[in-house]
Amino acid sequence: MQYQKVRRKIRDGDILAFRGTRCFSWLIKFRTLSRVSHVGVAIWFGDRLCCLEAMEGSGVRLYPVSKFVEDGEFVDWYELYDEAVSRKQMTEFALTCWGKRYASIWQFIRSWGVICRGWFDKNQSPPDTDPDRFFCSEFVMSALREGGYAGEGFEKPPSRTSPGDIVELPCLHRMGKLVP
C-alpha cells in the first residue's frame, strides 16, 4: 500500500507493526514465535501521522510514520475495527505515557525468561516489575485495555503480551504493508 495514498485512512488508535531485521528484532521474533518484532499506536498531530511507541533506549516516544516508511522499515498497518474500543480513551492513555521509561531488563527476564519465569510464578512475584515502564506490546495492550478492549487476549497481563499476540487480536484487521 502506498503510504501517501492511504495515510489519511489510518486513524488514531490503529496499530502499526514492524518486522525489524536487526539482531534484537530477530531475537524477539524467535523467542515469541512471531512474524513481527515491534508494535506502536498510530496518532495524528495536526497534519502529521505519528507512531507512539515504547522503544528501547528512548522510552515511550512519538515518531513520524513517514520517516519509518522513507527509511525502508517494514511497517504493517492494522485497523482497529472493534467499535466497543474507544479510540479517544486509548490515545489519551497512550499520550499520558509519552516520556515514560522503557521496561527494565528485569521485566524482560520476568516476562520472557523460560527458567526464570517459572521461578517468579512459583514465588508469586507480580507479572509487572514496574507499571510505569513499558516494552512495546505491553504499552499497546495497556492502551487497548484503557480503550475498553476486553476480548480475546485480555486474560493475559499486558506484561506478558508479545508483538505477535497484539497483531493476532480479533479486534484488529491487517490492512497491508506501507511502502513509499
Foldseek 3Di string as FASTA:
>chain_A
DACVVCVVVAEFFWKKFFQDDDPQQVVLCVLVVARTRFMFTWDDDPPFIWTFFQDPPQGTAIGTPVVCQVVPTWIWIKGQADPLFASVQLVVVSVVLHRFHAADVVLCCCQRPPVSVVVCVVVVPDNGPDPSHYHGQLSSVVSRVSRPDDDPPNVDRSSNAGSRNVCPDPSIDTPGIHHD
